[in-house]
C-alpha atoms as a PDB file:
ATOM      1  CA  MET A   1      13.697 172.304 -27.647  1.00  0.00           C
ATOM      2  CA  VAL A   2      13.760 174.625 -24.413  1.00  0.00           C
ATOM      3  CA  VAL A   3      14.668 171.736 -21.590  1.00  0.00           C
ATOM      4  CA  LEU A   4      17.652 171.407 -24.113  1.00  0.00           C
ATOM      5  CA  LEU A   5      18.880 174.674 -23.802  1.00  0.00           C
ATOM      6  CA  VAL A   6      18.203 174.035 -20.246  1.00  0.00           C
ATOM      7  CA  ILE A   7      20.923 171.449 -20.256  1.00  0.00           C
ATOM      8  CA  VAL A   8      23.210 173.462 -21.529  1.00  0.00           C
ATOM      9  CA  LEU A   9      23.293 175.983 -19.324  1.00  0.00           C
ATOM     10  CA  VAL A  10      23.278 174.550 -16.971  1.00  0.00           C
ATOM     11  CA  ALA A  11      25.906 172.391 -17.637  1.00  0.00           C
ATOM     12  CA  LEU A  12      27.932 175.576 -18.672  1.00  0.00           C
ATOM     13  CA  VAL A  13      27.321 177.718 -14.989  1.00  0.00           C
ATOM     14  CA  ALA A  14      28.317 173.793 -13.260  1.00  0.00           C
ATOM     15  CA  ALA A  15      32.018 173.953 -16.185  1.00  0.00           C
ATOM     16  CA  PHE A  16      32.225 177.919 -15.159  1.00  0.00           C
ATOM     17  CA  VAL A  17      31.297 177.480 -11.221  1.00  0.00           C
ATOM     18  CA  LEU A  18      33.379 173.597 -10.874  1.00  0.00           C
ATOM     19  CA  ALA A  19      36.455 175.353 -12.661  1.00  0.00           C
ATOM     20  CA  PRO A  20      38.917 176.203  -8.885  1.00  0.00           C
ATOM     21  CA  PHE A  21      38.024 173.627  -8.380  1.00  0.00           C
ATOM     22  CA  ARG A  22      39.821 171.287 -11.327  1.00  0.00           C
ATOM     23  CA  SER A  23      43.629 170.400 -10.881  1.00  0.00           C
ATOM     24  CA  ALA A  24      45.276 170.788 -13.903  1.00  0.00           C
ATOM     25  CA  GLU A  25      47.491 167.135 -15.631  1.00  0.00           C
ATOM     26  CA  GLY A  26      50.678 167.504 -14.073  1.00  0.00           C
ATOM     27  CA  VAL A  27      50.669 169.797 -12.074  1.00  0.00           C
ATOM     28  CA  ASP A  28      51.815 169.375  -7.837  1.00  0.00           C
ATOM     29  CA  VAL A  29      51.889 172.493  -5.582  1.00  0.00           C
ATOM     30  CA  VAL A  30      54.658 172.862  -3.757  1.00  0.00           C
ATOM     31  CA  TYR A  31      55.687 175.404  -0.817  1.00  0.00           C
ATOM     32  CA  THR A  32      59.041 176.349  -0.725  1.00  0.00           C
ATOM     33  CA  GLU A  33      58.648 178.868   1.945  1.00  0.00           C
ATOM     34  CA  ASP A  34      61.834 178.410   4.286  1.00  0.00           C
ATOM     35  CA  PRO A  35      60.576 178.135   7.609  1.00  0.00           C
ATOM     36  CA  VAL A  36      63.850 179.140   9.408  1.00  0.00           C
ATOM     37  CA  LEU A  37      62.753 182.183   7.537  1.00  0.00           C
ATOM     38  CA  ALA A  38      59.346 182.300   8.361  1.00  0.00           C
ATOM     39  CA  GLU A  39      60.350 181.585  11.813  1.00  0.00           C
ATOM     40  CA  LEU A  40      62.255 185.448  11.566  1.00  0.00           C
ATOM     41  CA  GLU A  41      59.706 187.095   9.535  1.00  0.00           C
ATOM     42  CA  ALA A  42      57.418 186.336  12.180  1.00  0.00           C
ATOM     43  CA  ARG A  43      59.895 187.546  15.190  1.00  0.00           C
ATOM     44  CA  LYS A  44      60.454 190.556  13.260  1.00  0.00           C
ATOM     45  CA  GLN A  45      56.541 191.463  13.568  1.00  0.00           C
ATOM     46  CA  ALA A  46      56.985 190.767  17.231  1.00  0.00           C
ATOM     47  CA  LYS A  47      59.137 192.952  18.029  1.00  0.00           C
ATOM     48  CA  TYR A  48      57.098 196.193  15.508  1.00  0.00           C
ATOM     49  CA  ARG A  49      55.543 195.467  18.430  1.00  0.00           C
ATOM     50  CA  GLU A  50      57.152 196.177  20.581  1.00  0.00           C
ATOM     51  CA  ILE A  51      58.259 199.309  19.952  1.00  0.00           C
ATOM     52  CA  ARG A  52      55.242 200.941  18.682  1.00  0.00           C
ATOM     53  CA  ASP A  53      54.286 198.902  22.595  1.00  0.00           C
ATOM     54  CA  THR A  54      56.859 200.858  24.235  1.00  0.00           C
ATOM     55  CA  GLU A  55      56.171 204.074  22.461  1.00  0.00           C
ATOM     56  CA  LEU A  56      52.725 204.350  23.267  1.00  0.00           C
ATOM     57  CA  ASP A  57      53.560 203.633  26.946  1.00  0.00           C
ATOM     58  CA  HIS A  58      56.134 207.028  26.381  1.00  0.00           C
ATOM     59  CA  ALA A  59      52.438 208.593  25.084  1.00  0.00           C
ATOM     60  CA  GLN A  60      50.505 207.589  27.547  1.00  0.00           C
ATOM     61  CA  GLY A  61      53.833 208.641  30.072  1.00  0.00           C
ATOM     62  CA  LYS A  62      54.227 204.636  31.852  1.00  0.00           C
ATOM     63  CA  LEU A  63      57.504 205.683  30.745  1.00  0.00           C
ATOM     64  CA  THR A  64      59.918 208.265  31.326  1.00  0.00           C
ATOM     65  CA  GLU A  65      62.341 209.261  28.741  1.00  0.00           C
ATOM     66  CA  PRO A  66      65.598 208.128  30.142  1.00  0.00           C
ATOM     67  CA  GLU A  67      63.599 203.921  30.406  1.00  0.00           C
ATOM     68  CA  PHE A  68      62.148 205.182  27.155  1.00  0.00           C
ATOM     69  CA  LYS A  69      65.166 205.871  24.787  1.00  0.00           C
ATOM     70  CA  ARG A  70      66.728 202.720  26.384  1.00  0.00           C
ATOM     71  CA  GLN A  71      63.819 199.884  25.319  1.00  0.00           C
ATOM     72  CA  GLU A  72      63.921 202.148  22.353  1.00  0.00           C
ATOM     73  CA  ALA A  73      67.382 201.961  21.709  1.00  0.00           C
ATOM     74  CA  GLU A  74      67.347 197.757  22.421  1.00  0.00           C
ATOM     75  CA  LEU A  75      64.231 197.273  20.987  1.00  0.00           C
ATOM     76  CA  LYS A  76      66.115 198.789  17.272  1.00  0.00           C
ATOM     77  CA  ALA A  77      69.181 197.084  17.769  1.00  0.00           C
ATOM     78  CA  GLU A  78      66.959 193.945  18.310  1.00  0.00           C
ATOM     79  CA  ALA A  79      64.748 194.266  15.571  1.00  0.00           C
ATOM     80  CA  ILE A  80      68.057 195.386  13.354  1.00  0.00           C
ATOM     81  CA  ASP A  81      69.832 192.204  14.045  1.00  0.00           C
ATOM     82  CA  LEU A  82      66.434 190.537  12.990  1.00  0.00           C
ATOM     83  CA  LEU A  83      66.938 192.588   9.456  1.00  0.00           C
ATOM     84  CA  LYS A  84      70.258 191.234   8.488  1.00  0.00           C
ATOM     85  CA  ARG A  85      69.401 187.812  10.264  1.00  0.00           C
ATOM     86  CA  ILE A  86      66.105 187.761   7.541  1.00  0.00           C
ATOM     87  CA  ASP A  87      68.672 189.696   4.176  1.00  0.00           C
ATOM     88  CA  ALA A  88      71.047 186.252   4.872  1.00  0.00           C
ATOM     89  CA  ALA A  89      69.019 184.054   5.052  1.00  0.00           C
ATOM     90  CA  SER A  90      66.982 185.261   2.213  1.00  0.00           C
ATOM     91  CA  PRO A  91      67.329 183.203  -1.186  1.00  0.00           C
ATOM     92  CA  ALA A  92      66.505 186.421  -3.725  1.00  0.00           C
ATOM     93  CA  ALA A  93      69.499 187.509  -1.375  1.00  0.00           C
ATOM     94  CA  GLU A  94      71.419 184.560  -1.935  1.00  0.00           C
ATOM     95  CA  GLY A  95      71.825 185.495  -5.399  1.00  0.00           C
ATOM     96  CA  SER A  96      72.584 189.373  -5.638  1.00  0.00           C
ATOM     97  CA  ARG A  97      75.962 189.811  -3.989  1.00  0.00           C
ATOM     98  CA  ALA A  98      78.138 190.305  -7.435  1.00  0.00           C
ATOM     99  CA  PRO A  99      80.849 187.706  -8.240  1.00  0.00           C
ATOM    100  CA  GLY A 100      83.241 188.079  -6.386  1.00  0.00           C
ATOM    101  CA  ALA A 101      82.106 190.551  -3.186  1.00  0.00           C
ATOM    102  CA  PRO A 102      82.224 188.556   0.004  1.00  0.00           C
ATOM    103  CA  ALA A 103      80.205 186.806   2.088  1.00  0.00           C
ATOM    104  CA  ASP A 104      78.864 188.828   5.518  1.00  0.00           C
END
């Protein structure tokens, strides 16, 4: 009787542990990430790092005030352009426009 109980217990533990590895029938995993959108997101993160680095360089005295303002303005303009391109490429943006509203 004890052996049967141990076997059932081991089977239950094995089923619990292996449950995440079982695949559901008829379910296919589809990755629909847009490569253009992913590339734009990566460029946005890189641009944000550049902005932070510029701010750090200014705080450490490596950039003069005029140099800092010029670089900051250029980097932020580039970041805004990237954000607009991300919005335009985003699938959610296409469905959120009001009917009859002009596209950008």
